[in-house]
Amino acid sequence: MIIDLCYPIQEHWRYGKFKREELSSFARGDQWQITGFTMGSHWFSHMDFPRHTGAEYPDSEAFPLDAYNGKASIINLTRPEGCKNYGFTKEDMERATAGRNLESIWLLRSDWGLQSDWNTRNFWNDAPSMTTEALEWIAERRPSCVVFDFPQDYAIRELQFRKVGPDEQPSHTILLRRNILMVEYVTNFDKIGKDSCDFYCLPLKLPHIDGCPVRAIAVV
């Protein structure tokens, strides 16, 4: 079974400069239907390479496909009371991984997308996030890629109001700058139904990119 883990690429208040247009249209009498898209490399469901955080860090060319495709472990951080404004801790990570032999790709499951609509501002304003200690705990264990179903840095909510640099987004400094890749803004981990899956996440083959929207899937 293939499970789509991505949010749709469509008009969204957070990505106001997103543009989709008909470059060639049957309605205008053209012979072909051709659509054009304009979007940023870190919009919608996307992956990050370390270059995103500084010119001295490696871009996409430094990482083989198997660094972010293959066997993955689902790390269940869900809470009976929900995770609104919750900061996941090192202890949460330890409980969720106790006794397990983890794959190199980690899918961190909060089910935040079931608790808040991705199309609303509350999805960001009330989101859970990772504490610095939890991120350091992850970095010490050296997964090749970490996939989040929630906005993992608290300051991400501030991006709608002001510029927020890497130093305010610790996942980007603690993980990316140690060559641990990240995939952000995905969903549907609840549909996987197992502790592990095959995870596939392919950016467009654009040379030397800092990030790219992706179509991420789980195969179970």
N, C-alpha and C. Protein backbone atom coordinates (compact mmCIF):
# COMPACT_ATOMS: atom_id res chain seq x y z
N MET A 1 0.85 -1.20 0.00
CA MET A 1 0.00 0.00 0.00
C MET A 1 0.89 1.25 0.00
N ILE A 2 0.53 2.21 -0.83
CA ILE A 2 1.25 3.48 -0.89
C ILE A 2 0.43 4.56 -0.18
N ILE A 3 1.07 5.26 0.74
CA ILE A 3 0.40 6.31 1.52
C ILE A 3 1.03 7.65 1.15
N ASP A 4 0.21 8.56 0.68
CA ASP A 4 0.67 9.90 0.33
C ASP A 4 0.87 10.69 1.62
N LEU A 5 2.05 11.24 1.82
CA LEU A 5 2.37 11.96 3.04
C LEU A 5 2.38 13.48 2.86
N CYS A 6 2.01 13.96 1.68
CA CYS A 6 2.16 15.38 1.36
C CYS A 6 0.86 16.17 1.46
N TYR A 7 1.02 17.44 1.78
CA TYR A 7 -0.07 18.39 1.64
C TYR A 7 -0.13 18.87 0.18
N PRO A 8 -1.29 19.28 -0.29
CA PRO A 8 -1.39 19.72 -1.69
C PRO A 8 -0.69 21.06 -1.93
N ILE A 9 -0.17 21.23 -3.12
CA ILE A 9 0.42 22.50 -3.54
C ILE A 9 -0.68 23.32 -4.20
N GLN A 10 -1.17 24.31 -3.48
CA GLN A 10 -2.28 25.12 -3.95
C GLN A 10 -2.25 26.46 -3.24
N GLU A 11 -3.15 27.35 -3.60
CA GLU A 11 -3.18 28.66 -2.94
C GLU A 11 -3.27 28.48 -1.44
N HIS A 12 -2.44 29.24 -0.72
CA HIS A 12 -2.36 29.10 0.73
C HIS A 12 -1.90 30.43 1.31
N TRP A 13 -2.51 30.86 2.39
CA TRP A 13 -2.19 32.18 2.95
C TRP A 13 -0.71 32.30 3.31
N ARG A 14 -0.08 31.19 3.70
CA ARG A 14 1.32 31.26 4.12
C ARG A 14 2.26 31.47 2.94
N TYR A 15 1.83 31.01 1.78
CA TYR A 15 2.67 31.10 0.59
C TYR A 15 1.98 31.98 -0.45
N GLY A 16 1.81 33.24 -0.09
CA GLY A 16 1.04 34.16 -0.90
C GLY A 16 1.62 34.44 -2.27
N LYS A 17 2.92 34.20 -2.45
CA LYS A 17 3.55 34.44 -3.74
C LYS A 17 3.50 33.22 -4.66
N PHE A 18 2.89 32.14 -4.17
CA PHE A 18 2.71 30.97 -5.04
C PHE A 18 1.85 31.35 -6.23
N LYS A 19 2.29 30.91 -7.40
CA LYS A 19 1.56 31.26 -8.62
C LYS A 19 1.42 30.04 -9.51
N ARG A 20 0.23 29.79 -9.95
CA ARG A 20 -0.06 28.72 -10.92
C ARG A 20 -0.81 29.37 -12.07
N GLU A 21 -0.32 29.19 -13.28
CA GLU A 21 -0.94 29.85 -14.42
C GLU A 21 -0.91 28.94 -15.64
N GLU A 22 -1.82 29.17 -16.53
CA GLU A 22 -1.87 28.42 -17.78
C GLU A 22 -1.00 29.13 -18.81
N LEU A 23 0.10 28.49 -19.16
CA LEU A 23 0.99 29.06 -20.17
C LEU A 23 0.43 28.84 -21.57
N SER A 24 -0.27 27.74 -21.71
CA SER A 24 -0.93 27.41 -22.98
C SER A 24 -2.24 26.74 -22.63
N SER A 25 -3.33 27.12 -23.29
CA SER A 25 -4.65 26.69 -22.83
C SER A 25 -5.56 26.35 -24.00
N PHE A 26 -6.27 25.24 -23.87
CA PHE A 26 -7.28 24.90 -24.86
C PHE A 26 -8.37 25.97 -24.91
N ALA A 27 -8.66 26.56 -23.73
CA ALA A 27 -9.70 27.58 -23.67
C ALA A 27 -9.35 28.80 -24.51
N ARG A 28 -8.04 29.03 -24.72
CA ARG A 28 -7.59 30.16 -25.53
C ARG A 28 -7.32 29.75 -26.97
N GLY A 29 -7.62 28.47 -27.27
CA GLY A 29 -7.42 28.01 -28.63
C GLY A 29 -6.04 27.46 -28.91
N ASP A 30 -5.22 27.24 -27.87
CA ASP A 30 -3.88 26.69 -28.06
C ASP A 30 -3.97 25.19 -28.34
N GLN A 31 -2.91 24.63 -28.91
CA GLN A 31 -2.90 23.21 -29.25
C GLN A 31 -2.54 22.32 -28.07
N TRP A 32 -1.93 22.89 -27.02
CA TRP A 32 -1.50 22.12 -25.86
C TRP A 32 -1.98 22.80 -24.58
N GLN A 33 -2.20 21.99 -23.55
CA GLN A 33 -2.46 22.52 -22.22
C GLN A 33 -1.16 22.45 -21.44
N ILE A 34 -0.63 23.59 -21.03
CA ILE A 34 0.64 23.66 -20.31
C ILE A 34 0.47 24.60 -19.12
N THR A 35 0.87 24.13 -17.96
CA THR A 35 0.73 24.91 -16.73
C THR A 35 2.10 25.34 -16.22
N GLY A 36 2.20 26.57 -15.77
CA GLY A 36 3.42 27.08 -15.14
C GLY A 36 3.24 27.25 -13.65
N PHE A 37 4.33 27.07 -12.89
CA PHE A 37 4.29 27.20 -11.44
C PHE A 37 5.44 28.09 -10.97
N THR A 38 5.18 28.91 -9.98
CA THR A 38 6.22 29.69 -9.31
C THR A 38 6.09 29.43 -7.82
N MET A 39 7.18 28.93 -7.20
CA MET A 39 7.14 28.68 -5.76
C MET A 39 8.55 28.67 -5.21
N GLY A 40 8.67 28.80 -3.91
CA GLY A 40 9.96 28.77 -3.24
C GLY A 40 10.41 27.34 -2.94
N SER A 41 11.68 27.18 -2.72
CA SER A 41 12.24 25.85 -2.49
C SER A 41 11.88 25.27 -1.12
N HIS A 42 11.36 26.12 -0.23
CA HIS A 42 11.01 25.63 1.12
C HIS A 42 9.53 25.87 1.43
N TRP A 43 8.73 25.75 0.39
CA TRP A 43 7.28 25.89 0.56
C TRP A 43 6.61 24.53 0.48
N PHE A 44 5.47 24.42 1.14
CA PHE A 44 4.66 23.20 1.13
C PHE A 44 5.49 22.03 1.68
N SER A 45 5.12 20.80 1.39
CA SER A 45 5.90 19.65 1.85
C SER A 45 7.23 19.67 1.11
N HIS A 46 8.32 19.75 1.86
CA HIS A 46 9.61 19.95 1.21
C HIS A 46 10.74 19.34 2.05
N MET A 47 11.92 19.26 1.44
CA MET A 47 13.08 18.81 2.19
C MET A 47 14.13 19.90 2.22
N ASP A 48 14.97 19.84 3.27
CA ASP A 48 16.04 20.80 3.48
C ASP A 48 17.40 20.13 3.35
N PHE A 49 18.31 20.79 2.65
CA PHE A 49 19.71 20.42 2.67
C PHE A 49 20.48 21.44 3.50
N PRO A 50 21.66 21.09 4.02
CA PRO A 50 22.37 22.01 4.91
C PRO A 50 22.64 23.39 4.32
N ARG A 51 22.81 23.50 3.00
CA ARG A 51 23.07 24.79 2.38
C ARG A 51 22.01 25.83 2.73
N HIS A 52 20.84 25.39 3.08
CA HIS A 52 19.74 26.28 3.49
C HIS A 52 20.18 27.21 4.61
N THR A 53 21.12 26.79 5.44
CA THR A 53 21.46 27.54 6.65
C THR A 53 22.76 28.33 6.53
N GLY A 54 23.50 28.18 5.43
CA GLY A 54 24.74 28.92 5.29
C GLY A 54 25.52 28.49 4.07
N ALA A 55 26.26 29.45 3.47
CA ALA A 55 26.97 29.17 2.23
C ALA A 55 28.09 28.15 2.40
N GLU A 56 28.55 27.94 3.62
CA GLU A 56 29.65 27.00 3.85
C GLU A 56 29.20 25.56 4.01
N TYR A 57 27.88 25.32 4.00
CA TYR A 57 27.36 23.98 4.23
C TYR A 57 26.98 23.32 2.91
N PRO A 58 27.00 21.98 2.84
CA PRO A 58 26.80 21.29 1.56
C PRO A 58 25.38 21.39 1.04
N ASP A 59 25.28 21.37 -0.30
CA ASP A 59 23.99 21.40 -0.96
C ASP A 59 23.58 19.99 -1.35
N SER A 60 22.58 19.89 -2.20
CA SER A 60 21.99 18.60 -2.55
C SER A 60 22.98 17.63 -3.18
N GLU A 61 24.00 18.15 -3.85
CA GLU A 61 24.92 17.28 -4.58
C GLU A 61 25.75 16.41 -3.64
N ALA A 62 25.81 16.75 -2.37
CA ALA A 62 26.63 16.01 -1.42
C ALA A 62 25.95 14.76 -0.87
N PHE A 63 24.66 14.57 -1.19
CA PHE A 63 23.89 13.52 -0.54
C PHE A 63 23.31 12.55 -1.57
N PRO A 64 23.63 11.27 -1.45
CA PRO A 64 23.03 10.28 -2.34
C PRO A 64 21.56 10.09 -2.01
N LEU A 65 20.82 9.54 -2.94
CA LEU A 65 19.39 9.33 -2.72
C LEU A 65 19.10 8.45 -1.52
N ASP A 66 19.98 7.49 -1.23
CA ASP A 66 19.69 6.60 -0.11
C ASP A 66 19.92 7.26 1.25
N ALA A 67 20.37 8.51 1.27
CA ALA A 67 20.44 9.25 2.52
C ALA A 67 19.06 9.63 3.02
N TYR A 68 18.09 9.72 2.11
CA TYR A 68 16.74 10.12 2.51
C TYR A 68 15.66 9.28 1.86
N ASN A 69 16.01 8.12 1.36
CA ASN A 69 15.05 7.16 0.83
C ASN A 69 15.42 5.77 1.32
N GLY A 70 14.41 5.01 1.75
CA GLY A 70 14.68 3.65 2.20
C GLY A 70 13.89 3.30 3.45
N LYS A 71 14.44 2.38 4.22
CA LYS A 71 13.78 1.93 5.44
C LYS A 71 13.71 3.05 6.46
N ALA A 72 12.54 3.21 7.06
CA ALA A 72 12.33 4.29 8.02
C ALA A 72 11.63 3.77 9.27
N SER A 73 11.95 4.38 10.39
CA SER A 73 11.29 4.07 11.67
C SER A 73 10.32 5.19 12.02
N ILE A 74 9.09 4.81 12.38
CA ILE A 74 8.12 5.79 12.84
C ILE A 74 8.27 5.94 14.35
N ILE A 75 8.53 7.15 14.80
CA ILE A 75 8.72 7.43 16.23
C ILE A 75 7.46 8.14 16.71
N ASN A 76 6.68 7.42 17.48
CA ASN A 76 5.34 7.88 17.86
C ASN A 76 5.42 8.80 19.08
N LEU A 77 5.23 10.09 18.85
CA LEU A 77 5.24 11.08 19.92
C LEU A 77 3.84 11.56 20.27
N THR A 78 2.82 10.88 19.77
CA THR A 78 1.45 11.32 20.04
C THR A 78 1.15 11.27 21.53
N ARG A 79 0.24 12.14 21.97
CA ARG A 79 -0.13 12.24 23.38
C ARG A 79 -1.65 12.19 23.49
N PRO A 80 -2.19 11.45 24.47
CA PRO A 80 -3.65 11.35 24.61
C PRO A 80 -4.32 12.71 24.74
N GLU A 81 -3.64 13.64 25.37
CA GLU A 81 -4.21 14.97 25.58
C GLU A 81 -3.93 15.92 24.43
N GLY A 82 -3.31 15.41 23.36
CA GLY A 82 -2.95 16.26 22.24
C GLY A 82 -1.61 16.94 22.48
N CYS A 83 -1.15 17.68 21.48
CA CYS A 83 0.19 18.27 21.59
C CYS A 83 0.20 19.77 21.30
N LYS A 84 -0.93 20.43 21.46
CA LYS A 84 -1.00 21.86 21.22
C LYS A 84 0.03 22.61 22.07
N ASN A 85 0.89 23.37 21.41
CA ASN A 85 1.92 24.19 22.07
C ASN A 85 2.88 23.37 22.95
N TYR A 86 2.97 22.09 22.68
CA TYR A 86 3.84 21.24 23.50
C TYR A 86 5.25 21.20 22.93
N GLY A 87 6.23 21.20 23.79
CA GLY A 87 7.61 21.05 23.38
C GLY A 87 8.09 19.63 23.65
N PHE A 88 8.33 18.87 22.60
CA PHE A 88 8.78 17.48 22.78
C PHE A 88 10.18 17.47 23.38
N THR A 89 10.37 16.62 24.37
CA THR A 89 11.60 16.61 25.15
C THR A 89 12.48 15.41 24.81
N LYS A 90 13.67 15.44 25.36
CA LYS A 90 14.56 14.28 25.25
C LYS A 90 13.90 13.05 25.85
N GLU A 91 13.19 13.24 26.96
CA GLU A 91 12.52 12.11 27.61
C GLU A 91 11.42 11.54 26.72
N ASP A 92 10.72 12.39 26.00
CA ASP A 92 9.72 11.90 25.04
C ASP A 92 10.37 11.04 23.97
N MET A 93 11.51 11.48 23.48
CA MET A 93 12.23 10.70 22.47
C MET A 93 12.71 9.37 23.04
N GLU A 94 13.19 9.40 24.23
CA GLU A 94 13.68 8.16 24.85
C GLU A 94 12.55 7.15 25.04
N ARG A 95 11.39 7.63 25.50
CA ARG A 95 10.26 6.73 25.69
C ARG A 95 9.79 6.14 24.36
N ALA A 96 9.75 6.98 23.32
CA ALA A 96 9.22 6.53 22.03
C ALA A 96 10.16 5.58 21.31
N THR A 97 11.42 5.56 21.70
CA THR A 97 12.39 4.72 20.99
C THR A 97 12.95 3.60 21.87
N ALA A 98 12.48 3.49 23.09
CA ALA A 98 13.05 2.52 24.03
C ALA A 98 12.99 1.10 23.47
N GLY A 99 14.12 0.41 23.52
CA GLY A 99 14.18 -0.98 23.11
C GLY A 99 14.13 -1.22 21.62
N ARG A 100 14.21 -0.18 20.82
CA ARG A 100 14.08 -0.35 19.38
C ARG A 100 15.43 -0.21 18.66
N ASN A 101 15.58 -0.96 17.60
CA ASN A 101 16.70 -0.77 16.69
C ASN A 101 16.20 0.10 15.54
N LEU A 102 16.63 1.33 15.51
CA LEU A 102 16.06 2.30 14.59
C LEU A 102 16.78 2.29 13.24
N GLU A 103 15.99 2.54 12.20
CA GLU A 103 16.55 2.72 10.87
C GLU A 103 17.22 4.10 10.80
N SER A 104 17.85 4.39 9.67
CA SER A 104 18.57 5.66 9.57
C SER A 104 17.66 6.83 9.22
N ILE A 105 16.45 6.55 8.77
CA ILE A 105 15.46 7.60 8.49
C ILE A 105 14.41 7.55 9.59
N TRP A 106 14.15 8.69 10.21
CA TRP A 106 13.20 8.77 11.31
C TRP A 106 12.00 9.62 10.92
N LEU A 107 10.79 9.08 11.12
CA LEU A 107 9.54 9.81 10.91
C LEU A 107 8.95 10.15 12.27
N LEU A 108 8.99 11.42 12.65
CA LEU A 108 8.50 11.84 13.96
C LEU A 108 7.01 12.17 13.86
N ARG A 109 6.22 11.33 14.52
CA ARG A 109 4.78 11.40 14.41
C ARG A 109 4.14 12.10 15.61
N SER A 110 3.44 13.19 15.36
CA SER A 110 2.68 13.87 16.42
C SER A 110 1.18 13.83 16.15
N ASP A 111 0.78 13.60 14.90
CA ASP A 111 -0.61 13.71 14.44
C ASP A 111 -1.16 15.12 14.59
N TRP A 112 -0.27 16.11 14.54
CA TRP A 112 -0.74 17.49 14.65
C TRP A 112 -1.72 17.83 13.54
N GLY A 113 -1.54 17.27 12.37
CA GLY A 113 -2.44 17.54 11.26
C GLY A 113 -3.86 17.05 11.49
N LEU A 114 -4.04 16.13 12.45
CA LEU A 114 -5.39 15.68 12.81
C LEU A 114 -6.02 16.61 13.84
N GLN A 115 -5.19 17.41 14.50
CA GLN A 115 -5.66 18.28 15.57
C GLN A 115 -5.86 19.72 15.10
N SER A 116 -5.24 20.07 14.00
CA SER A 116 -5.33 21.44 13.51
C SER A 116 -5.24 21.42 11.98
N ASP A 117 -6.04 22.23 11.33
CA ASP A 117 -6.12 22.28 9.87
C ASP A 117 -4.92 23.03 9.30
N TRP A 118 -4.21 22.37 8.40
CA TRP A 118 -3.03 22.95 7.75
C TRP A 118 -3.32 24.30 7.09
N ASN A 119 -4.57 24.54 6.70
CA ASN A 119 -4.93 25.77 6.00
C ASN A 119 -5.16 26.95 6.94
N THR A 120 -5.14 26.72 8.24
CA THR A 120 -5.40 27.78 9.20
C THR A 120 -4.11 28.28 9.84
N ARG A 121 -4.18 29.48 10.38
CA ARG A 121 -3.02 30.04 11.09
C ARG A 121 -2.74 29.29 12.38
N ASN A 122 -3.78 28.68 12.95
CA ASN A 122 -3.57 27.94 14.20
C ASN A 122 -2.65 26.74 14.01
N PHE A 123 -2.56 26.22 12.80
CA PHE A 123 -1.66 25.10 12.55
C PHE A 123 -0.24 25.48 12.95
N TRP A 124 0.14 26.74 12.69
CA TRP A 124 1.46 27.21 13.09
C TRP A 124 1.44 27.85 14.48
N ASN A 125 0.44 28.68 14.76
CA ASN A 125 0.44 29.43 16.00
C ASN A 125 0.36 28.55 17.25
N ASP A 126 -0.28 27.40 17.15
CA ASP A 126 -0.47 26.51 18.30
C ASP A 126 0.33 25.22 18.18
N ALA A 127 1.25 25.16 17.24
CA ALA A 127 1.91 23.89 16.92
C ALA A 127 2.84 23.41 18.03
N PRO A 128 3.04 22.10 18.11
CA PRO A 128 4.11 21.58 18.96
C PRO A 128 5.45 21.87 18.31
N SER A 129 6.51 21.67 19.04
CA SER A 129 7.86 21.90 18.52
C SER A 129 8.83 21.00 19.27
N MET A 130 10.06 20.99 18.82
CA MET A 130 11.11 20.20 19.46
C MET A 130 11.94 21.09 20.37
N THR A 131 12.23 20.61 21.57
CA THR A 131 13.15 21.33 22.44
C THR A 131 14.58 21.14 21.94
N THR A 132 15.44 22.05 22.33
CA THR A 132 16.85 21.95 21.95
C THR A 132 17.45 20.65 22.45
N GLU A 133 17.10 20.25 23.66
CA GLU A 133 17.65 19.02 24.23
C GLU A 133 17.22 17.80 23.43
N ALA A 134 15.98 17.79 22.96
CA ALA A 134 15.51 16.67 22.14
C ALA A 134 16.25 16.62 20.81
N LEU A 135 16.50 17.77 20.23
CA LEU A 135 17.24 17.82 18.96
C LEU A 135 18.69 17.38 19.15
N GLU A 136 19.29 17.76 20.24
CA GLU A 136 20.66 17.31 20.51
C GLU A 136 20.69 15.80 20.71
N TRP A 137 19.67 15.27 21.35
CA TRP A 137 19.58 13.82 21.54
C TRP A 137 19.50 13.11 20.19
N ILE A 138 18.71 13.66 19.28
CA ILE A 138 18.61 13.09 17.94
C ILE A 138 19.97 13.16 17.24
N ALA A 139 20.60 14.32 17.30
CA ALA A 139 21.87 14.52 16.59
C ALA A 139 22.94 13.56 17.07
N GLU A 140 22.94 13.25 18.34
CA GLU A 140 23.94 12.33 18.89
C GLU A 140 23.79 10.93 18.31
N ARG A 141 22.60 10.58 17.85
CA ARG A 141 22.34 9.24 17.32
C ARG A 141 22.48 9.17 15.80
N ARG A 142 22.71 10.28 15.17
CA ARG A 142 23.12 10.37 13.77
C ARG A 142 22.18 9.68 12.77
N PRO A 143 20.88 9.93 12.81
CA PRO A 143 20.06 9.47 11.68
C PRO A 143 20.49 10.22 10.43
N SER A 144 20.20 9.68 9.28
CA SER A 144 20.56 10.38 8.03
C SER A 144 19.52 11.42 7.65
N CYS A 145 18.28 11.21 8.09
CA CYS A 145 17.19 12.12 7.72
C CYS A 145 16.09 12.04 8.78
N VAL A 146 15.54 13.19 9.14
CA VAL A 146 14.44 13.26 10.10
C VAL A 146 13.26 13.94 9.42
N VAL A 147 12.08 13.33 9.54
CA VAL A 147 10.88 13.79 8.84
C VAL A 147 9.85 14.19 9.90
N PHE A 148 9.33 15.41 9.82
CA PHE A 148 8.43 15.96 10.85
C PHE A 148 7.02 16.14 10.29
N ASP A 149 6.02 15.78 11.08
CA ASP A 149 4.63 16.07 10.68
C ASP A 149 4.08 17.27 11.46
N PHE A 150 4.96 18.13 11.94
CA PHE A 150 4.59 19.35 12.65
C PHE A 150 5.70 20.38 12.43
N PRO A 151 5.41 21.68 12.60
CA PRO A 151 6.45 22.70 12.47
C PRO A 151 7.41 22.60 13.65
N GLN A 152 8.58 22.04 13.42
CA GLN A 152 9.40 21.52 14.51
C GLN A 152 10.14 22.56 15.34
N ASP A 153 10.25 23.80 14.84
CA ASP A 153 10.90 24.87 15.60
C ASP A 153 9.85 25.86 16.08
N TYR A 154 9.91 26.23 17.34
CA TYR A 154 8.91 27.14 17.90
C TYR A 154 8.82 28.43 17.10
N ALA A 155 9.96 28.95 16.67
CA ALA A 155 9.99 30.25 15.99
C ALA A 155 9.41 30.20 14.59
N ILE A 156 9.12 29.02 14.07
CA ILE A 156 8.50 28.95 12.74
C ILE A 156 7.20 29.74 12.70
N ARG A 157 6.49 29.78 13.81
CA ARG A 157 5.23 30.53 13.87
C ARG A 157 5.44 32.02 13.65
N GLU A 158 6.65 32.50 13.90
CA GLU A 158 6.93 33.92 13.75
C GLU A 158 7.20 34.33 12.32
N LEU A 159 7.40 33.37 11.42
CA LEU A 159 7.75 33.70 10.04
C LEU A 159 6.66 34.50 9.33
N GLN A 160 5.43 34.39 9.81
CA GLN A 160 4.35 35.15 9.18
C GLN A 160 4.41 36.63 9.55
N PHE A 161 5.25 36.98 10.55
CA PHE A 161 5.33 38.36 11.02
C PHE A 161 6.69 39.01 10.77
N ARG A 162 7.76 38.20 10.73
CA ARG A 162 9.10 38.77 10.65
C ARG A 162 10.08 37.74 10.10
N LYS A 163 11.27 38.20 9.77
CA LYS A 163 12.31 37.28 9.35
C LYS A 163 12.85 36.54 10.57
N VAL A 164 13.04 35.24 10.41
CA VAL A 164 13.55 34.40 11.51
C VAL A 164 14.78 33.67 10.98
N GLY A 165 15.92 33.91 11.58
CA GLY A 165 17.17 33.32 11.11
C GLY A 165 17.40 31.91 11.63
N PRO A 166 18.44 31.25 11.14
CA PRO A 166 18.74 29.88 11.57
C PRO A 166 18.95 29.74 13.07
N ASP A 167 19.54 30.75 13.70
CA ASP A 167 19.83 30.62 15.13
C ASP A 167 18.57 30.53 15.98
N GLU A 168 17.43 30.95 15.44
CA GLU A 168 16.17 30.83 16.17
C GLU A 168 15.43 29.55 15.81
N GLN A 169 15.99 28.77 14.91
CA GLN A 169 15.36 27.52 14.48
C GLN A 169 16.35 26.38 14.73
N PRO A 170 16.41 25.88 15.96
CA PRO A 170 17.49 24.96 16.33
C PRO A 170 17.55 23.67 15.54
N SER A 171 16.43 23.20 14.98
CA SER A 171 16.53 21.99 14.17
C SER A 171 17.45 22.23 12.97
N HIS A 172 17.44 23.44 12.47
CA HIS A 172 18.24 23.77 11.29
C HIS A 172 19.72 23.88 11.62
N THR A 173 20.04 24.32 12.82
CA THR A 173 21.45 24.41 13.19
C THR A 173 21.95 23.10 13.79
N ILE A 174 21.15 22.47 14.60
CA ILE A 174 21.61 21.24 15.28
C ILE A 174 21.62 20.05 14.35
N LEU A 175 20.62 19.92 13.49
CA LEU A 175 20.54 18.77 12.59
C LEU A 175 21.19 19.07 11.24
N LEU A 176 20.68 20.05 10.52
CA LEU A 176 21.18 20.29 9.17
C LEU A 176 22.68 20.56 9.15
N ARG A 177 23.17 21.33 10.07
CA ARG A 177 24.59 21.66 10.05
C ARG A 177 25.48 20.49 10.48
N ARG A 178 24.84 19.39 10.86
CA ARG A 178 25.58 18.14 11.09
C ARG A 178 25.26 17.13 9.98
N ASN A 179 24.76 17.64 8.88
CA ASN A 179 24.45 16.83 7.69
C ASN A 179 23.36 15.81 7.93
N ILE A 180 22.46 16.10 8.87
CA ILE A 180 21.25 15.30 9.06
C ILE A 180 20.13 16.03 8.32
N LEU A 181 19.64 15.43 7.26
CA LEU A 181 18.65 16.08 6.40
C LEU A 181 17.29 16.13 7.08
N MET A 182 16.43 17.02 6.61
CA MET A 182 15.10 17.17 7.18
C MET A 182 14.06 17.24 6.08
N VAL A 183 12.88 16.67 6.37
CA VAL A 183 11.71 16.83 5.53
C VAL A 183 10.63 17.45 6.41
N GLU A 184 10.02 18.53 5.92
CA GLU A 184 9.08 19.30 6.73
C GLU A 184 7.68 19.33 6.11
N TYR A 185 6.69 19.50 6.99
CA TYR A 185 5.30 19.70 6.61
C TYR A 185 4.74 18.52 5.82
N VAL A 186 4.80 17.37 6.41
CA VAL A 186 4.15 16.19 5.85
C VAL A 186 3.05 15.74 6.82
N THR A 187 2.30 14.72 6.42
CA THR A 187 1.13 14.32 7.20
C THR A 187 0.83 12.84 6.98
N ASN A 188 -0.23 12.37 7.57
CA ASN A 188 -0.76 11.01 7.37
C ASN A 188 0.10 9.89 7.97
N PHE A 189 0.95 10.21 8.92
CA PHE A 189 1.71 9.14 9.58
C PHE A 189 0.78 8.17 10.30
N ASP A 190 -0.40 8.65 10.70
CA ASP A 190 -1.35 7.78 11.39
C ASP A 190 -1.86 6.66 10.50
N LYS A 191 -1.74 6.81 9.19
CA LYS A 191 -2.25 5.81 8.26
C LYS A 191 -1.25 4.69 7.99
N ILE A 192 -0.04 4.84 8.48
CA ILE A 192 0.98 3.82 8.20
C ILE A 192 0.69 2.54 8.98
N GLY A 193 0.29 2.67 10.24
CA GLY A 193 -0.16 1.52 11.01
C GLY A 193 0.91 0.55 11.45
N LYS A 194 2.19 0.91 11.29
CA LYS A 194 3.29 0.05 11.71
C LYS A 194 4.39 0.91 12.31
N ASP A 195 5.38 0.25 12.91
CA ASP A 195 6.51 0.97 13.49
C ASP A 195 7.57 1.33 12.45
N SER A 196 7.45 0.77 11.26
CA SER A 196 8.43 1.06 10.22
C SER A 196 7.76 0.99 8.85
N CYS A 197 8.43 1.54 7.86
CA CYS A 197 7.91 1.53 6.50
C CYS A 197 9.07 1.80 5.55
N ASP A 198 8.79 1.71 4.27
CA ASP A 198 9.71 2.21 3.26
C ASP A 198 9.30 3.64 2.95
N PHE A 199 10.25 4.55 3.05
CA PHE A 199 9.98 5.98 2.86
C PHE A 199 10.69 6.45 1.60
N TYR A 200 9.93 7.17 0.76
CA TYR A 200 10.51 7.71 -0.46
C TYR A 200 10.18 9.19 -0.57
N CYS A 201 11.17 9.97 -0.89
CA CYS A 201 11.03 11.42 -0.90
C CYS A 201 11.98 11.98 -1.95
N LEU A 202 11.46 12.36 -3.10
CA LEU A 202 12.33 12.75 -4.20
C LEU A 202 12.13 14.22 -4.58
N PRO A 203 13.17 15.03 -4.39
CA PRO A 203 13.11 16.40 -4.91
C PRO A 203 13.35 16.38 -6.41
N LEU A 204 13.01 17.46 -7.08
CA LEU A 204 13.35 17.59 -8.48
C LEU A 204 14.87 17.56 -8.65
N LYS A 205 15.33 17.09 -9.78
CA LYS A 205 16.78 16.98 -10.01
C LYS A 205 17.33 18.32 -10.49
N LEU A 206 17.32 19.27 -9.57
CA LEU A 206 17.90 20.58 -9.80
C LEU A 206 19.29 20.59 -9.17
N PRO A 207 20.35 20.83 -9.90
CA PRO A 207 21.69 20.78 -9.32
C PRO A 207 21.89 21.84 -8.24
N HIS A 208 22.60 21.45 -7.20
CA HIS A 208 23.08 22.38 -6.16
C HIS A 208 21.94 23.18 -5.52
N ILE A 209 20.93 22.47 -5.05
CA ILE A 209 19.80 23.15 -4.42
C ILE A 209 19.92 23.11 -2.90
N ASP A 210 19.28 24.09 -2.24
CA ASP A 210 19.24 24.18 -0.78
C ASP A 210 18.02 23.46 -0.21
N GLY A 211 17.04 23.19 -1.06
CA GLY A 211 15.82 22.52 -0.64
C GLY A 211 14.89 22.41 -1.84
N CYS A 212 13.79 21.67 -1.66
CA CYS A 212 12.87 21.51 -2.79
C CYS A 212 11.56 20.92 -2.31
N PRO A 213 10.42 21.39 -2.83
CA PRO A 213 9.17 20.67 -2.59
C PRO A 213 9.30 19.22 -3.07
N VAL A 214 8.63 18.31 -2.38
CA VAL A 214 8.75 16.88 -2.68
C VAL A 214 7.38 16.23 -2.72
N ARG A 215 7.33 15.05 -3.30
CA ARG A 215 6.20 14.13 -3.14
C ARG A 215 6.73 12.99 -2.28
N ALA A 216 6.39 13.01 -1.01
CA ALA A 216 6.86 11.99 -0.08
C ALA A 216 5.77 10.93 0.10
N ILE A 217 6.19 9.67 0.12
CA ILE A 217 5.25 8.57 0.30
C ILE A 217 5.82 7.55 1.27
N ALA A 218 4.94 6.78 1.88
CA ALA A 218 5.31 5.62 2.67
C ALA A 218 4.75 4.39 1.98
N VAL A 219 5.52 3.33 1.93
CA VAL A 219 5.08 2.06 1.37
C VAL A 219 5.07 1.02 2.47
N VAL A 220 3.90 0.42 2.71
CA VAL A 220 3.77 -0.58 3.78
C VAL A 220 3.13 -1.83 3.22
